[in-house]
Amino acid sequence: MMATTYEPRDRFNRVTNDYREMRNQLESAHGQLARLKQQRAATLQSSREAGERWRQLFRDAGGKAGKEVRELQTEEHSLAAEVEQLDELIAELEPRVAELRHWAQELRAQHVTRLHEARRDMAAQRLAAALDSVFAKPEGQELLAALAQRADSVQREVLEDHVFMGTIGFDGHEAAKPGFMAMISGHDREVIANQVEKRKRALVADVVMQRLQALGTEHPQFDEDLAAPLPLMACER
């Protein structure tokens, strides 16, 4: 019994832990990719600046390649080679980040689904416990007796509903005849019985809904991790 009771919450906890772990991996890889791209941009800019400087010096010197010109040329080429290396690293890491983002999205969808399952199960348990508590008391037994007494009149109300009875082929007077239910076909009795059952359920639902509406929007909220899905991280978008 306990395993069944807590199974939805256990499933939620497991998938949420998996989702957190996948997000952590994604955040780490995404951060590393961002750092590589920033490094590439800075290195490329430095390479371009070194190239501009040696060219300007070269022109200013009338075409003479002095020590500073050669050093700046070496710096430009070295930085350009570093940019190529960074491009390789970025190209290698980008598919990994995309893969981690894909699995994070998959696990998030499961996380949200399991969240609603766990909330529904917890609410159902709370309702069942509350009903058991209420109906174990004299006031609860009185409520059941009153509902049963009120429900006893529903069949007569159905038989006196000329609009409904007309939909199954009876006029407004036939149902008032003594022994009517015994004289009609089994199919018609089943149709009437289903309508009676439907109206009994609606009767009970109306009693509850009237009191729920009195609560307005002040409904109990779920606590802690069941209050809402985990917020999206920037790297997941």
C-alpha atoms as a PDB file:
ATOM      1  CA  MET A   1       0.000   0.000   0.000  1.00  0.00           C
ATOM      2  CA  MET A   2       2.737   2.470   0.904  1.00  0.00           C
ATOM      3  CA  ALA A   3       4.644   1.767  -2.343  1.00  0.00           C
ATOM      4  CA  THR A   4       1.529   2.572  -4.357  1.00  0.00           C
ATOM      5  CA  THR A   5       0.758   5.647  -2.272  1.00  0.00           C
ATOM      6  CA  TYR A   6       4.146   7.259  -2.812  1.00  0.00           C
ATOM      7  CA  GLU A   7       4.912   5.974  -6.307  1.00  0.00           C
ATOM      8  CA  PRO A   8       3.971   9.216  -8.149  1.00  0.00           C
ATOM      9  CA  ARG A   9       6.110  11.280  -5.767  1.00  0.00           C
ATOM     10  CA  ASP A  10       9.000   8.844  -6.164  1.00  0.00           C
ATOM     11  CA  ARG A  11       8.770   9.088  -9.939  1.00  0.00           C
ATOM     12  CA  PHE A  12       8.738  12.877  -9.679  1.00  0.00           C
ATOM     13  CA  ASN A  13      11.798  12.869  -7.405  1.00  0.00           C
ATOM     14  CA  ARG A  14      13.741  10.533  -9.696  1.00  0.00           C
ATOM     15  CA  VAL A  15      13.074  12.437 -12.913  1.00  0.00           C
ATOM     16  CA  THR A  16      13.694  15.772 -11.169  1.00  0.00           C
ATOM     17  CA  ASN A  17      17.075  14.560  -9.925  1.00  0.00           C
ATOM     18  CA  ASP A  18      17.932  13.397 -13.456  1.00  0.00           C
ATOM     19  CA  TYR A  19      16.794  16.746 -14.832  1.00  0.00           C
ATOM     20  CA  ARG A  20      18.916  18.676 -12.311  1.00  0.00           C
ATOM     21  CA  GLU A  21      21.978  16.586 -13.190  1.00  0.00           C
ATOM     22  CA  MET A  22      21.460  17.102 -16.914  1.00  0.00           C
ATOM     23  CA  ARG A  23      21.019  20.860 -16.363  1.00  0.00           C
ATOM     24  CA  ASN A  24      24.248  20.973 -14.388  1.00  0.00           C
ATOM     25  CA  GLN A  25      26.103  19.265 -17.232  1.00  0.00           C
ATOM     26  CA  LEU A  26      24.505  21.615 -19.751  1.00  0.00           C
ATOM     27  CA  GLU A  27      25.314  24.699 -17.677  1.00  0.00           C
ATOM     28  CA  SER A  28      28.954  23.637 -17.361  1.00  0.00           C
ATOM     29  CA  ALA A  29      29.359  22.858 -21.079  1.00  0.00           C
ATOM     30  CA  HIS A  30      27.445  25.960 -22.116  1.00  0.00           C
ATOM     31  CA  GLY A  31      29.618  28.110 -19.872  1.00  0.00           C
ATOM     32  CA  GLN A  32      32.790  26.599 -21.300  1.00  0.00           C
ATOM     33  CA  LEU A  33      31.527  27.196 -24.840  1.00  0.00           C
ATOM     34  CA  ALA A  34      30.756  30.824 -24.008  1.00  0.00           C
ATOM     35  CA  ARG A  35      34.248  31.287 -22.551  1.00  0.00           C
ATOM     36  CA  LEU A  36      35.849  29.783 -25.669  1.00  0.00           C
ATOM     37  CA  LYS A  37      33.825  32.096 -27.906  1.00  0.00           C
ATOM     38  CA  GLN A  38      34.776  35.113 -25.807  1.00  0.00           C
ATOM     39  CA  GLN A  39      38.429  34.046 -25.938  1.00  0.00           C
ATOM     40  CA  ARG A  40      38.202  33.602 -29.704  1.00  0.00           C
ATOM     41  CA  ALA A  41      36.690  37.051 -30.164  1.00  0.00           C
ATOM     42  CA  ALA A  42      39.378  38.668 -28.013  1.00  0.00           C
ATOM     43  CA  THR A  43      42.188  36.729 -29.723  1.00  0.00           C
ATOM     44  CA  LEU A  44      40.872  37.583 -33.176  1.00  0.00           C
ATOM     45  CA  GLN A  45      40.683  41.249 -32.235  1.00  0.00           C
ATOM     46  CA  SER A  46      44.246  41.175 -30.903  1.00  0.00           C
ATOM     47  CA  SER A  47      45.441  39.484 -34.103  1.00  0.00           C
ATOM     48  CA  ARG A  48      43.784  42.128 -36.257  1.00  0.00           C
ATOM     49  CA  GLU A  49      45.230  44.923 -34.146  1.00  0.00           C
ATOM     50  CA  ALA A  50      48.749  43.442 -34.388  1.00  0.00           C
ATOM     51  CA  GLY A  51      48.327  43.213 -38.168  1.00  0.00           C
ATOM     52  CA  GLU A  52      47.172  46.805 -38.432  1.00  0.00           C
ATOM     53  CA  ARG A  53      50.053  48.026 -36.293  1.00  0.00           C
ATOM     54  CA  TRP A  54      52.854  46.304 -38.209  1.00  0.00           C
ATOM     55  CA  ARG A  55      51.391  47.396 -41.538  1.00  0.00           C
ATOM     56  CA  GLN A  56      51.213  50.993 -40.378  1.00  0.00           C
ATOM     57  CA  LEU A  57      54.771  50.838 -39.029  1.00  0.00           C
ATOM     58  CA  PHE A  58      55.922  49.226 -42.257  1.00  0.00           C
ATOM     59  CA  ARG A  59      54.373  51.997 -44.307  1.00  0.00           C
ATOM     60  CA  ASP A  60      55.692  54.710 -42.004  1.00  0.00           C
ATOM     61  CA  ALA A  61      59.206  53.231 -42.283  1.00  0.00           C
ATOM     62  CA  GLY A  62      59.095  53.456 -46.068  1.00  0.00           C
ATOM     63  CA  GLY A  63      58.942  49.703 -46.534  1.00  0.00           C
ATOM     64  CA  LYS A  64      61.653  48.770 -44.055  1.00  0.00           C
ATOM     65  CA  ALA A  65      60.838  45.712 -41.927  1.00  0.00           C
ATOM     66  CA  GLY A  66      62.342  46.560 -38.592  1.00  0.00           C
ATOM     67  CA  LYS A  67      62.398  44.441 -35.445  1.00  0.00           C
ATOM     68  CA  GLU A  68      59.074  45.724 -34.173  1.00  0.00           C
ATOM     69  CA  VAL A  69      57.428  45.031 -37.528  1.00  0.00           C
ATOM     70  CA  ARG A  70      58.687  41.446 -37.522  1.00  0.00           C
ATOM     71  CA  GLU A  71      57.636  40.933 -33.905  1.00  0.00           C
ATOM     72  CA  LEU A  72      54.140  42.212 -34.658  1.00  0.00           C
ATOM     73  CA  GLN A  73      53.955  39.952 -37.704  1.00  0.00           C
ATOM     74  CA  THR A  74      54.887  36.987 -35.539  1.00  0.00           C
ATOM     75  CA  GLU A  75      52.307  38.030 -32.963  1.00  0.00           C
ATOM     76  CA  GLU A  76      49.609  38.365 -35.638  1.00  0.00           C
ATOM     77  CA  HIS A  77      50.334  34.923 -37.097  1.00  0.00           C
ATOM     78  CA  SER A  78      50.550  33.323 -33.653  1.00  0.00           C
ATOM     79  CA  LEU A  79      47.228  34.807 -32.623  1.00  0.00           C
ATOM     80  CA  ALA A  80      45.623  33.795 -35.934  1.00  0.00           C
ATOM     81  CA  ALA A  81      46.805  30.211 -35.342  1.00  0.00           C
ATOM     82  CA  GLU A  82      45.315  30.364 -31.838  1.00  0.00           C
ATOM     83  CA  VAL A  83      42.005  31.495 -33.359  1.00  0.00           C
ATOM     84  CA  GLU A  84      42.052  28.412 -35.605  1.00  0.00           C
ATOM     85  CA  GLN A  85      42.691  26.184 -32.602  1.00  0.00           C
ATOM     86  CA  LEU A  86      39.809  27.818 -30.739  1.00  0.00           C
ATOM     87  CA  ASP A  87      37.574  27.295 -33.789  1.00  0.00           C
ATOM     88  CA  GLU A  88      38.338  23.562 -33.594  1.00  0.00           C
ATOM     89  CA  LEU A  89      37.504  23.454 -29.890  1.00  0.00           C
ATOM     90  CA  ILE A  90      34.262  25.388 -30.432  1.00  0.00           C
ATOM     91  CA  ALA A  91      33.245  23.147 -33.336  1.00  0.00           C
ATOM     92  CA  GLU A  92      33.850  20.116 -31.130  1.00  0.00           C
ATOM     93  CA  LEU A  93      31.901  21.461 -28.158  1.00  0.00           C
ATOM     94  CA  GLU A  94      28.877  22.974 -29.921  1.00  0.00           C
ATOM     95  CA  PRO A  95      27.260  19.612 -30.845  1.00  0.00           C
ATOM     96  CA  ARG A  96      27.761  18.418 -27.271  1.00  0.00           C
ATOM     97  CA  VAL A  97      25.979  21.485 -25.904  1.00  0.00           C
ATOM     98  CA  ALA A  98      23.146  20.988 -28.394  1.00  0.00           C
ATOM     99  CA  GLU A  99      22.838  17.335 -27.346  1.00  0.00           C
ATOM    100  CA  LEU A 100      22.781  18.213 -23.642  1.00  0.00           C
ATOM    101  CA  ARG A 101      20.161  20.913 -24.294  1.00  0.00           C
ATOM    102  CA  HIS A 102      18.017  18.377 -26.156  1.00  0.00           C
ATOM    103  CA  TRP A 103      18.110  15.913 -23.268  1.00  0.00           C
ATOM    104  CA  ALA A 104      17.514  18.681 -20.739  1.00  0.00           C
ATOM    105  CA  GLN A 105      14.381  19.658 -22.678  1.00  0.00           C
ATOM    106  CA  GLU A 106      13.234  16.030 -22.757  1.00  0.00           C
ATOM    107  CA  LEU A 107      13.770  15.638 -19.025  1.00  0.00           C
ATOM    108  CA  ARG A 108      12.066  18.959 -18.323  1.00  0.00           C
ATOM    109  CA  ALA A 109       8.945  17.746 -20.125  1.00  0.00           C
ATOM    110  CA  GLN A 110       9.001  14.618 -17.944  1.00  0.00           C
ATOM    111  CA  HIS A 111       9.658  16.752 -14.856  1.00  0.00           C
ATOM    112  CA  VAL A 112       6.547  18.848 -15.551  1.00  0.00           C
ATOM    113  CA  THR A 113       4.417  15.767 -16.285  1.00  0.00           C
ATOM    114  CA  ARG A 114       5.547  13.982 -13.121  1.00  0.00           C
ATOM    115  CA  LEU A 115       5.002  17.159 -11.112  1.00  0.00           C
ATOM    116  CA  HIS A 116       1.330  17.286 -12.081  1.00  0.00           C
ATOM    117  CA  GLU A 117       0.957  13.537 -11.440  1.00  0.00           C
ATOM    118  CA  ALA A 118       2.464  13.898  -7.961  1.00  0.00           C
ATOM    119  CA  ARG A 119       0.269  16.922  -7.193  1.00  0.00           C
ATOM    120  CA  ARG A 120      -2.835  15.078  -8.381  1.00  0.00           C
ATOM    121  CA  ASP A 121      -1.950  12.029  -6.286  1.00  0.00           C
ATOM    122  CA  MET A 122      -1.231  14.131  -3.173  1.00  0.00           C
ATOM    123  CA  ALA A 123      -4.532  15.997  -3.583  1.00  0.00           C
ATOM    124  CA  ALA A 124      -6.397  12.702  -4.021  1.00  0.00           C
ATOM    125  CA  GLN A 125      -4.814  11.319  -0.845  1.00  0.00           C
ATOM    126  CA  ARG A 126      -5.733  14.459   1.067  1.00  0.00           C
ATOM    127  CA  LEU A 127      -9.318  14.296  -0.202  1.00  0.00           C
ATOM    128  CA  ALA A 128      -9.664  10.615   0.696  1.00  0.00           C
ATOM    129  CA  ALA A 129      -8.291  11.215   4.188  1.00  0.00           C
ATOM    130  CA  ALA A 130     -10.587  14.206   4.708  1.00  0.00           C
ATOM    131  CA  LEU A 131     -13.644  12.249   3.565  1.00  0.00           C
ATOM    132  CA  ASP A 132     -12.777   9.340   5.858  1.00  0.00           C
ATOM    133  CA  SER A 133     -12.406  11.785   8.740  1.00  0.00           C
ATOM    134  CA  VAL A 134     -15.672  13.577   7.994  1.00  0.00           C
ATOM    135  CA  PHE A 135     -17.794  10.469   7.480  1.00  0.00           C
ATOM    136  CA  ALA A 136     -16.419   8.839  10.616  1.00  0.00           C
ATOM    137  CA  LYS A 137     -18.169  11.558  12.642  1.00  0.00           C
ATOM    138  CA  PRO A 138     -21.898  11.810  13.430  1.00  0.00           C
ATOM    139  CA  GLU A 139     -22.129  14.965  11.326  1.00  0.00           C
ATOM    140  CA  GLY A 140     -20.715  13.091   8.356  1.00  0.00           C
ATOM    141  CA  GLN A 141     -23.191  10.258   8.776  1.00  0.00           C
ATOM    142  CA  GLU A 142     -26.000  12.810   8.929  1.00  0.00           C
ATOM    143  CA  LEU A 143     -24.732  14.348   5.703  1.00  0.00           C
ATOM    144  CA  LEU A 144     -24.743  10.950   3.981  1.00  0.00           C
ATOM    145  CA  ALA A 145     -28.243  10.210   5.234  1.00  0.00           C
ATOM    146  CA  ALA A 146     -29.495  13.589   3.998  1.00  0.00           C
ATOM    147  CA  LEU A 147     -27.904  13.071   0.586  1.00  0.00           C
ATOM    148  CA  ALA A 148     -29.374   9.580   0.312  1.00  0.00           C
ATOM    149  CA  GLN A 149     -32.818  10.887   1.240  1.00  0.00           C
ATOM    150  CA  ARG A 150     -32.565  13.658  -1.336  1.00  0.00           C
ATOM    151  CA  ALA A 151     -31.317  11.198  -3.996  1.00  0.00           C
ATOM    152  CA  ASP A 152     -34.350   8.938  -3.446  1.00  0.00           C
ATOM    153  CA  SER A 153     -36.540  11.493  -5.206  1.00  0.00           C
ATOM    154  CA  VAL A 154     -34.365  11.724  -8.313  1.00  0.00           C
ATOM    155  CA  GLN A 155     -36.037   8.834 -10.170  1.00  0.00           C
ATOM    156  CA  ARG A 156     -39.444  10.460  -9.792  1.00  0.00           C
ATOM    157  CA  GLU A 157     -37.967  13.741 -11.061  1.00  0.00           C
ATOM    158  CA  VAL A 158     -36.601  11.948 -14.140  1.00  0.00           C
ATOM    159  CA  LEU A 159     -39.946  10.281 -14.854  1.00  0.00           C
ATOM    160  CA  GLU A 160     -41.697  13.636 -14.499  1.00  0.00           C
ATOM    161  CA  ASP A 161     -39.206  15.348 -16.839  1.00  0.00           C
ATOM    162  CA  HIS A 162     -41.348  15.465 -19.973  1.00  0.00           C
ATOM    163  CA  VAL A 163     -38.499  16.753 -22.115  1.00  0.00           C
ATOM    164  CA  PHE A 164     -36.173  13.887 -21.212  1.00  0.00           C
ATOM    165  CA  MET A 165     -38.902  11.233 -21.397  1.00  0.00           C
ATOM    166  CA  GLY A 166     -39.842  12.558 -24.794  1.00  0.00           C
ATOM    167  CA  THR A 167     -36.324  11.892 -26.062  1.00  0.00           C
ATOM    168  CA  ILE A 168     -36.837   8.147 -25.437  1.00  0.00           C
ATOM    169  CA  GLY A 169     -40.353   8.040 -26.902  1.00  0.00           C
ATOM    170  CA  PHE A 170     -42.730   8.581 -23.963  1.00  0.00           C
ATOM    171  CA  ASP A 171     -45.228  11.371 -23.532  1.00  0.00           C
ATOM    172  CA  GLY A 172     -45.792  13.293 -20.314  1.00  0.00           C
ATOM    173  CA  HIS A 173     -48.534  11.003 -18.995  1.00  0.00           C
ATOM    174  CA  GLU A 174     -47.264   7.466 -19.559  1.00  0.00           C
ATOM    175  CA  ALA A 175     -44.632   7.620 -16.796  1.00  0.00           C
ATOM    176  CA  ALA A 176     -47.341   8.498 -14.252  1.00  0.00           C
ATOM    177  CA  LYS A 177     -49.135   5.163 -14.780  1.00  0.00           C
ATOM    178  CA  PRO A 178     -48.824   2.612 -11.964  1.00  0.00           C
ATOM    179  CA  GLY A 179     -46.231  -0.075 -12.706  1.00  0.00           C
ATOM    180  CA  PHE A 180     -44.727   1.983 -15.547  1.00  0.00           C
ATOM    181  CA  MET A 181     -41.129   0.831 -14.931  1.00  0.00           C
ATOM    182  CA  ALA A 182     -42.207  -2.824 -15.001  1.00  0.00           C
ATOM    183  CA  MET A 183     -44.024  -2.420 -18.311  1.00  0.00           C
ATOM    184  CA  ILE A 184     -41.257  -0.790 -20.331  1.00  0.00           C
ATOM    185  CA  SER A 185     -38.412  -2.567 -22.092  1.00  0.00           C
ATOM    186  CA  GLY A 186     -35.137  -3.434 -20.428  1.00  0.00           C
ATOM    187  CA  HIS A 187     -33.354  -0.971 -22.692  1.00  0.00           C
ATOM    188  CA  ASP A 188     -35.630   1.900 -21.655  1.00  0.00           C
ATOM    189  CA  ARG A 189     -35.197   0.997 -17.976  1.00  0.00           C
ATOM    190  CA  GLU A 190     -31.422   1.102 -18.482  1.00  0.00           C
ATOM    191  CA  VAL A 191     -31.593   4.507 -20.172  1.00  0.00           C
ATOM    192  CA  ILE A 192     -33.726   5.892 -17.327  1.00  0.00           C
ATOM    193  CA  ALA A 193     -31.472   4.317 -14.681  1.00  0.00           C
ATOM    194  CA  ASN A 194     -28.395   5.890 -16.301  1.00  0.00           C
ATOM    195  CA  GLN A 195     -30.088   9.283 -16.283  1.00  0.00           C
ATOM    196  CA  VAL A 196     -31.029   8.857 -12.637  1.00  0.00           C
ATOM    197  CA  GLU A 197     -27.452   7.947 -11.748  1.00  0.00           C
ATOM    198  CA  LYS A 198     -26.130  10.916 -13.718  1.00  0.00           C
ATOM    199  CA  ARG A 199     -28.457  13.314 -11.881  1.00  0.00           C
ATOM    200  CA  LYS A 200     -27.607  11.825  -8.487  1.00  0.00           C
ATOM    201  CA  ARG A 201     -23.923  12.426  -9.140  1.00  0.00           C
ATOM    202  CA  ALA A 202     -24.660  15.942 -10.334  1.00  0.00           C
ATOM    203  CA  LEU A 203     -26.680  16.543  -7.168  1.00  0.00           C
ATOM    204  CA  VAL A 204     -23.729  15.631  -4.954  1.00  0.00           C
ATOM    205  CA  ALA A 205     -21.347  17.610  -7.155  1.00  0.00           C
ATOM    206  CA  ASP A 206     -23.572  20.696  -6.919  1.00  0.00           C
ATOM    207  CA  VAL A 207     -23.561  20.534  -3.130  1.00  0.00           C
ATOM    208  CA  VAL A 208     -19.767  20.509  -3.104  1.00  0.00           C
ATOM    209  CA  MET A 209     -19.303  23.043  -5.907  1.00  0.00           C
ATOM    210  CA  GLN A 210     -21.473  25.630  -4.170  1.00  0.00           C
ATOM    211  CA  ARG A 211     -19.133  25.519  -1.197  1.00  0.00           C
ATOM    212  CA  LEU A 212     -16.010  25.475  -3.345  1.00  0.00           C
ATOM    213  CA  GLN A 213     -17.188  28.604  -5.116  1.00  0.00           C
ATOM    214  CA  ALA A 214     -17.572  30.283  -1.733  1.00  0.00           C
ATOM    215  CA  LEU A 215     -13.795  29.877  -1.310  1.00  0.00           C
ATOM    216  CA  GLY A 216     -13.189  32.084  -4.344  1.00  0.00           C
ATOM    217  CA  THR A 217      -9.556  31.972  -5.443  1.00  0.00           C
ATOM    218  CA  GLU A 218      -8.237  31.158  -1.961  1.00  0.00           C
ATOM    219  CA  HIS A 219      -7.283  27.573  -2.703  1.00  0.00           C
ATOM    220  CA  PRO A 220      -4.631  25.666  -0.745  1.00  0.00           C
ATOM    221  CA  GLN A 221      -1.249  25.725  -2.476  1.00  0.00           C
ATOM    222  CA  PHE A 222       1.332  22.965  -2.760  1.00  0.00           C
ATOM    223  CA  ASP A 223       4.480  23.420  -0.719  1.00  0.00           C
ATOM    224  CA  GLU A 224       8.166  23.345  -1.615  1.00  0.00           C
ATOM    225  CA  ASP A 225       9.179  21.416  -4.745  1.00  0.00           C
ATOM    226  CA  LEU A 226       5.591  20.672  -5.811  1.00  0.00           C
ATOM    227  CA  ALA A 227       4.643  24.360  -5.924  1.00  0.00           C
ATOM    228  CA  ALA A 228       5.857  24.838  -9.513  1.00  0.00           C
ATOM    229  CA  PRO A 229       8.268  23.398 -12.101  1.00  0.00           C
ATOM    230  CA  LEU A 230      11.916  24.347 -11.743  1.00  0.00           C
ATOM    231  CA  PRO A 231      12.556  27.701 -13.458  1.00  0.00           C
ATOM    232  CA  LEU A 232      14.236  27.542 -16.831  1.00  0.00           C
ATOM    233  CA  MET A 233      17.950  28.325 -16.866  1.00  0.00           C
ATOM    234  CA  ALA A 234      19.370  30.626 -19.530  1.00  0.00           C
ATOM    235  CA  CYS A 235      21.386  27.771 -21.037  1.00  0.00           C
ATOM    236  CA  GLU A 236      18.226  25.756 -21.646  1.00  0.00           C
ATOM    237  CA  ARG A 237      16.735  28.318 -24.037  1.00  0.00           C
END
